[in-house]
């Protein structure tokens, strides 16, 4: 069989496969950008960092919301590609960049059900939590066969609905406040 025939056969499979839908490929693209940005956060100014995140995070949310809802094909246990050490490196780098603006009060956390006051949380922890789910998805999608990719999409959509989607909207509010409420930040941003 000629090389062109093999390529055409692969393309035909990809076009008909559920794991290569346009919405999934777009999500993978934004997810890779998000992970890469957090992994390379060292040395960035807070202004640049917050400004870029306020552009990436809404895209990540939108593309996550557009992911199709699949049922798992098997008893799928997604691999944990992100180690505790990787998680801590990302979280610490974010914390360093955010500095005194890392902590914020949040009312949309599970512990709030048992409290009358907002709960203190951090931008770095929320972004690292999102990173962990997204990076695990990206690695599973990259390394897996078609069934594993399908299950990775199903798991990612489920964690979006039940976990990281809410964390993303919470942290967006905090980042928005850092970007637009701090008069020192506005002066530096305009310069």
C-alpha atoms as a PDB file:
ATOM      1  CA  UNK A   1       0.000   0.000   0.000  1.00  0.00           C
ATOM      2  CA  UNK A   2       1.361   3.468  -0.857  1.00  0.00           C
ATOM      3  CA  UNK A   3       2.215   6.084   1.770  1.00  0.00           C
ATOM      4  CA  UNK A   4      -0.518   8.409   0.527  1.00  0.00           C
ATOM      5  CA  UNK A   5      -3.136   5.667   0.888  1.00  0.00           C
ATOM      6  CA  UNK A   6      -2.054   5.012   4.490  1.00  0.00           C
ATOM      7  CA  UNK A   7      -2.174   8.747   5.273  1.00  0.00           C
ATOM      8  CA  UNK A   8      -5.629   9.040   3.703  1.00  0.00           C
ATOM      9  CA  UNK A   9      -6.848   6.048   5.743  1.00  0.00           C
ATOM     10  CA  UNK A  10      -5.573   7.610   8.995  1.00  0.00           C
ATOM     11  CA  UNK A  11      -7.188  10.937   8.125  1.00  0.00           C
ATOM     12  CA  UNK A  12     -10.492   9.196   7.407  1.00  0.00           C
ATOM     13  CA  UNK A  13     -10.380   7.477  10.831  1.00  0.00           C
ATOM     14  CA  UNK A  14      -9.551  10.760  12.552  1.00  0.00           C
ATOM     15  CA  UNK A  15     -12.419  12.552  10.847  1.00  0.00           C
ATOM     16  CA  UNK A  16     -14.951   9.931  11.952  1.00  0.00           C
ATOM     17  CA  UNK A  17     -13.561   9.325  15.443  1.00  0.00           C
ATOM     18  CA  UNK A  18     -15.263  11.027  18.373  1.00  0.00           C
ATOM     19  CA  UNK A  19     -11.949  11.896  20.040  1.00  0.00           C
ATOM     20  CA  UNK A  20     -10.890  14.144  17.153  1.00  0.00           C
ATOM     21  CA  UNK A  21     -13.937  16.392  17.147  1.00  0.00           C
ATOM     22  CA  UNK A  22     -13.266  20.060  16.575  1.00  0.00           C
ATOM     23  CA  UNK A  23     -14.304  20.999  20.151  1.00  0.00           C
ATOM     24  CA  UNK A  24     -11.892  18.488  21.659  1.00  0.00           C
ATOM     25  CA  UNK A  25      -8.938  19.575  19.523  1.00  0.00           C
ATOM     26  CA  UNK A  26      -9.607  23.219  20.447  1.00  0.00           C
ATOM     27  CA  UNK A  27      -9.745  22.297  24.144  1.00  0.00           C
ATOM     28  CA  UNK A  28      -6.470  20.378  23.863  1.00  0.00           C
ATOM     29  CA  UNK A  29      -4.853  23.417  22.228  1.00  0.00           C
ATOM     30  CA  UNK A  30      -5.902  25.813  25.002  1.00  0.00           C
ATOM     31  CA  UNK A  31      -5.112  23.238  27.714  1.00  0.00           C
ATOM     32  CA  UNK A  32      -1.555  22.826  26.414  1.00  0.00           C
ATOM     33  CA  UNK A  33      -1.108  26.618  26.393  1.00  0.00           C
ATOM     34  CA  UNK A  34      -2.392  26.899  29.969  1.00  0.00           C
ATOM     35  CA  UNK A  35      -0.085  24.155  31.248  1.00  0.00           C
ATOM     36  CA  UNK A  36       2.926  25.552  29.417  1.00  0.00           C
ATOM     37  CA  UNK A  37       2.271  29.045  30.749  1.00  0.00           C
ATOM     38  CA  UNK A  38       2.110  27.856  34.348  1.00  0.00           C
ATOM     39  CA  UNK A  39       5.200  25.696  33.915  1.00  0.00           C
ATOM     40  CA  UNK A  40       7.138  28.685  32.562  1.00  0.00           C
ATOM     41  CA  UNK A  41       5.887  31.274  35.062  1.00  0.00           C
ATOM     42  CA  UNK A  42       9.227  31.783  36.769  1.00  0.00           C
ATOM     43  CA  UNK A  43      10.604  35.288  36.230  1.00  0.00           C
ATOM     44  CA  UNK A  44       7.377  36.877  34.982  1.00  0.00           C
ATOM     45  CA  UNK A  45       6.077  40.064  36.548  1.00  0.00           C
ATOM     46  CA  UNK A  46       2.747  39.876  38.372  1.00  0.00           C
ATOM     47  CA  UNK A  47       1.247  42.358  35.916  1.00  0.00           C
ATOM     48  CA  UNK A  48       2.192  40.297  32.870  1.00  0.00           C
ATOM     49  CA  UNK A  49       1.196  37.073  34.594  1.00  0.00           C
ATOM     50  CA  UNK A  50      -2.257  38.238  35.682  1.00  0.00           C
ATOM     51  CA  UNK A  51      -2.944  39.905  32.351  1.00  0.00           C
ATOM     52  CA  UNK A  52      -2.116  36.727  30.419  1.00  0.00           C
ATOM     53  CA  UNK A  53      -4.084  34.465  32.763  1.00  0.00           C
ATOM     54  CA  UNK A  54      -7.132  36.714  32.377  1.00  0.00           C
ATOM     55  CA  UNK A  55      -6.964  35.920  28.665  1.00  0.00           C
ATOM     56  CA  UNK A  56      -6.234  32.176  28.882  1.00  0.00           C
ATOM     57  CA  UNK A  57      -8.655  31.219  31.662  1.00  0.00           C
ATOM     58  CA  UNK A  58     -11.881  32.344  29.935  1.00  0.00           C
ATOM     59  CA  UNK A  59     -10.839  30.349  26.858  1.00  0.00           C
ATOM     60  CA  UNK A  60     -10.119  27.311  28.995  1.00  0.00           C
ATOM     61  CA  UNK A  61     -13.543  27.616  30.621  1.00  0.00           C
ATOM     62  CA  UNK A  62     -15.330  28.069  27.304  1.00  0.00           C
ATOM     63  CA  UNK A  63     -13.547  25.146  25.653  1.00  0.00           C
ATOM     64  CA  UNK A  64     -14.146  22.983  28.747  1.00  0.00           C
ATOM     65  CA  UNK A  65     -17.851  23.821  28.649  1.00  0.00           C
ATOM     66  CA  UNK A  66     -17.978  22.815  24.961  1.00  0.00           C
ATOM     67  CA  UNK A  67     -16.403  19.400  25.534  1.00  0.00           C
ATOM     68  CA  UNK A  68     -18.863  16.629  24.719  1.00  0.00           C
ATOM     69  CA  UNK A  69     -20.185  14.572  27.623  1.00  0.00           C
ATOM     70  CA  UNK A  70     -19.111  10.975  27.182  1.00  0.00           C
ATOM     71  CA  UNK A  71     -19.694   7.925  29.342  1.00  0.00           C
ATOM     72  CA  UNK A  72     -16.573   6.008  30.290  1.00  0.00           C
ATOM     73  CA  UNK A  73     -15.989   2.983  28.079  1.00  0.00           C
ATOM     74  CA  UNK A  74     -14.556   0.880  30.905  1.00  0.00           C
ATOM     75  CA  UNK A  75     -13.594   1.168  34.522  1.00  0.00           C
ATOM     76  CA  UNK A  76     -11.056   3.827  33.671  1.00  0.00           C
ATOM     77  CA  UNK A  77      -8.607   5.042  36.241  1.00  0.00           C
ATOM     78  CA  UNK A  78      -6.797   8.029  34.763  1.00  0.00           C
ATOM     79  CA  UNK A  79      -3.067   8.085  35.297  1.00  0.00           C
ATOM     80  CA  UNK A  80      -1.618  10.753  37.531  1.00  0.00           C
ATOM     81  CA  UNK A  81       1.050  12.322  35.363  1.00  0.00           C
ATOM     82  CA  UNK A  82       1.425  15.285  37.694  1.00  0.00           C
ATOM     83  CA  UNK A  83       3.484  14.274  40.701  1.00  0.00           C
ATOM     84  CA  UNK A  84       3.277  15.985  44.063  1.00  0.00           C
ATOM     85  CA  UNK A  85       6.658  17.542  43.297  1.00  0.00           C
ATOM     86  CA  UNK A  86       5.420  18.935  39.940  1.00  0.00           C
ATOM     87  CA  UNK A  87       2.316  20.297  41.647  1.00  0.00           C
ATOM     88  CA  UNK A  88       4.361  21.988  44.380  1.00  0.00           C
ATOM     89  CA  UNK A  89       6.756  23.555  41.871  1.00  0.00           C
ATOM     90  CA  UNK A  90       3.873  25.063  39.880  1.00  0.00           C
ATOM     91  CA  UNK A  91       2.040  26.223  43.021  1.00  0.00           C
ATOM     92  CA  UNK A  92       5.174  27.755  44.543  1.00  0.00           C
ATOM     93  CA  UNK A  93       6.068  29.574  41.309  1.00  0.00           C
ATOM     94  CA  UNK A  94       2.572  31.044  41.113  1.00  0.00           C
ATOM     95  CA  UNK A  95       2.672  31.994  44.786  1.00  0.00           C
ATOM     96  CA  UNK A  96       6.001  33.746  44.258  1.00  0.00           C
ATOM     97  CA  UNK A  97       4.677  35.719  41.272  1.00  0.00           C
ATOM     98  CA  UNK A  98       1.415  36.636  43.032  1.00  0.00           C
ATOM     99  CA  UNK A  99       3.259  37.567  46.234  1.00  0.00           C
ATOM    100  CA  UNK A 100       0.959  39.460  48.624  1.00  0.00           C
ATOM    101  CA  UNK A 101      -1.983  39.116  46.205  1.00  0.00           C
ATOM    102  CA  UNK A 102      -2.028  35.299  46.367  1.00  0.00           C
ATOM    103  CA  UNK A 103      -4.636  34.960  49.137  1.00  0.00           C
ATOM    104  CA  UNK A 104      -8.265  35.944  48.696  1.00  0.00           C
ATOM    105  CA  UNK A 105     -11.602  35.373  50.393  1.00  0.00           C
ATOM    106  CA  UNK A 106     -13.924  32.955  48.658  1.00  0.00           C
ATOM    107  CA  UNK A 107     -17.552  32.121  49.338  1.00  0.00           C
ATOM    108  CA  UNK A 108     -17.885  29.386  46.696  1.00  0.00           C
ATOM    109  CA  UNK A 109     -15.948  26.626  48.409  1.00  0.00           C
ATOM    110  CA  UNK A 110     -17.237  23.418  49.999  1.00  0.00           C
ATOM    111  CA  UNK A 111     -16.209  24.534  53.515  1.00  0.00           C
ATOM    112  CA  UNK A 112     -18.449  27.596  53.206  1.00  0.00           C
ATOM    113  CA  UNK A 113     -21.488  25.399  53.935  1.00  0.00           C
ATOM    114  CA  UNK A 114     -20.250  25.153  57.519  1.00  0.00           C
ATOM    115  CA  UNK A 115     -19.157  28.770  57.987  1.00  0.00           C
ATOM    116  CA  UNK A 116     -20.778  32.180  58.203  1.00  0.00           C
ATOM    117  CA  UNK A 117     -17.691  33.930  56.882  1.00  0.00           C
ATOM    118  CA  UNK A 118     -15.743  33.637  53.641  1.00  0.00           C
ATOM    119  CA  UNK A 119     -12.906  31.135  53.507  1.00  0.00           C
ATOM    120  CA  UNK A 120      -9.330  32.206  52.808  1.00  0.00           C
ATOM    121  CA  UNK A 121      -7.938  30.477  49.732  1.00  0.00           C
ATOM    122  CA  UNK A 122      -5.143  31.207  47.294  1.00  0.00           C
ATOM    123  CA  UNK A 123      -4.736  31.907  43.615  1.00  0.00           C
ATOM    124  CA  UNK A 124      -1.711  29.617  43.514  1.00  0.00           C
ATOM    125  CA  UNK A 125      -3.531  26.627  44.973  1.00  0.00           C
ATOM    126  CA  UNK A 126      -6.565  27.022  42.720  1.00  0.00           C
ATOM    127  CA  UNK A 127      -4.475  27.447  39.571  1.00  0.00           C
ATOM    128  CA  UNK A 128      -2.308  24.469  40.542  1.00  0.00           C
ATOM    129  CA  UNK A 129      -5.423  22.344  41.173  1.00  0.00           C
ATOM    130  CA  UNK A 130      -6.726  23.243  37.718  1.00  0.00           C
ATOM    131  CA  UNK A 131      -3.272  22.578  36.273  1.00  0.00           C
ATOM    132  CA  UNK A 132      -3.194  19.101  37.800  1.00  0.00           C
ATOM    133  CA  UNK A 133      -6.484  18.030  36.165  1.00  0.00           C
ATOM    134  CA  UNK A 134      -5.670  19.684  32.846  1.00  0.00           C
ATOM    135  CA  UNK A 135      -2.105  18.350  32.665  1.00  0.00           C
ATOM    136  CA  UNK A 136      -3.279  14.820  33.505  1.00  0.00           C
ATOM    137  CA  UNK A 137      -5.821  15.121  30.676  1.00  0.00           C
ATOM    138  CA  UNK A 138      -3.273  16.482  28.185  1.00  0.00           C
ATOM    139  CA  UNK A 139      -0.796  13.703  28.947  1.00  0.00           C
ATOM    140  CA  UNK A 140      -3.462  10.978  28.788  1.00  0.00           C
ATOM    141  CA  UNK A 141      -4.766  12.380  25.506  1.00  0.00           C
ATOM    142  CA  UNK A 142      -1.264  12.646  24.045  1.00  0.00           C
ATOM    143  CA  UNK A 143      -0.093   9.199  25.132  1.00  0.00           C
ATOM    144  CA  UNK A 144      -3.276   7.180  24.811  1.00  0.00           C
ATOM    145  CA  UNK A 145      -4.920   5.115  22.145  1.00  0.00           C
ATOM    146  CA  UNK A 146      -8.383   6.056  20.922  1.00  0.00           C
ATOM    147  CA  UNK A 147     -10.231   4.426  23.854  1.00  0.00           C
ATOM    148  CA  UNK A 148      -7.964   6.087  26.424  1.00  0.00           C
ATOM    149  CA  UNK A 149      -8.436   9.442  24.707  1.00  0.00           C
ATOM    150  CA  UNK A 150     -12.185   8.934  24.808  1.00  0.00           C
ATOM    151  CA  UNK A 151     -12.014   8.129  28.535  1.00  0.00           C
ATOM    152  CA  UNK A 152      -9.682  11.086  29.135  1.00  0.00           C
ATOM    153  CA  UNK A 153     -12.248  13.416  27.535  1.00  0.00           C
ATOM    154  CA  UNK A 154     -15.050  11.860  29.596  1.00  0.00           C
ATOM    155  CA  UNK A 155     -13.052  12.302  32.802  1.00  0.00           C
ATOM    156  CA  UNK A 156     -11.996  15.853  31.948  1.00  0.00           C
ATOM    157  CA  UNK A 157     -15.597  16.904  31.246  1.00  0.00           C
ATOM    158  CA  UNK A 158     -16.687  15.347  34.532  1.00  0.00           C
ATOM    159  CA  UNK A 159     -13.958  17.116  36.528  1.00  0.00           C
ATOM    160  CA  UNK A 160     -14.805  20.366  34.725  1.00  0.00           C
ATOM    161  CA  UNK A 161     -18.431  20.112  35.836  1.00  0.00           C
ATOM    162  CA  UNK A 162     -17.670  18.981  39.379  1.00  0.00           C
ATOM    163  CA  UNK A 163     -14.341  20.548  40.242  1.00  0.00           C
ATOM    164  CA  UNK A 164     -12.066  22.719  38.148  1.00  0.00           C
ATOM    165  CA  UNK A 165     -14.763  24.738  36.336  1.00  0.00           C
ATOM    166  CA  UNK A 166     -15.875  26.258  39.635  1.00  0.00           C
ATOM    167  CA  UNK A 167     -12.284  26.771  40.786  1.00  0.00           C
ATOM    168  CA  UNK A 168     -11.557  28.568  37.517  1.00  0.00           C
ATOM    169  CA  UNK A 169     -14.461  30.992  37.924  1.00  0.00           C
ATOM    170  CA  UNK A 170     -13.478  31.635  41.556  1.00  0.00           C
ATOM    171  CA  UNK A 171      -9.864  32.425  40.712  1.00  0.00           C
ATOM    172  CA  UNK A 172     -10.931  34.622  37.773  1.00  0.00           C
ATOM    173  CA  UNK A 173     -12.761  36.873  40.221  1.00  0.00           C
ATOM    174  CA  UNK A 174      -9.645  37.183  42.365  1.00  0.00           C
ATOM    175  CA  UNK A 175      -7.395  37.856  39.353  1.00  0.00           C
ATOM    176  CA  UNK A 176      -9.845  40.437  38.037  1.00  0.00           C
ATOM    177  CA  UNK A 177      -9.672  42.188  41.400  1.00  0.00           C
ATOM    178  CA  UNK A 178      -5.855  42.207  41.291  1.00  0.00           C
ATOM    179  CA  UNK A 179      -5.852  43.532  37.736  1.00  0.00           C
ATOM    180  CA  UNK A 180      -8.443  46.289  38.067  1.00  0.00           C
ATOM    181  CA  UNK A 181      -8.689  47.253  41.765  1.00  0.00           C
ATOM    182  CA  UNK A 182      -5.085  47.927  42.681  1.00  0.00           C
ATOM    183  CA  UNK A 183      -4.180  51.544  41.865  1.00  0.00           C
ATOM    184  CA  UNK A 184      -0.449  50.717  41.943  1.00  0.00           C
ATOM    185  CA  UNK A 185      -1.073  47.975  39.425  1.00  0.00           C
ATOM    186  CA  UNK A 186      -2.993  50.334  37.146  1.00  0.00           C
ATOM    187  CA  UNK A 187      -0.124  52.834  37.217  1.00  0.00           C
ATOM    188  CA  UNK A 188       2.424  50.112  36.375  1.00  0.00           C
ATOM    189  CA  UNK A 189       0.166  48.652  33.680  1.00  0.00           C
ATOM    190  CA  UNK A 190      -0.275  52.014  31.962  1.00  0.00           C
ATOM    191  CA  UNK A 191       3.478  52.686  31.983  1.00  0.00           C
END
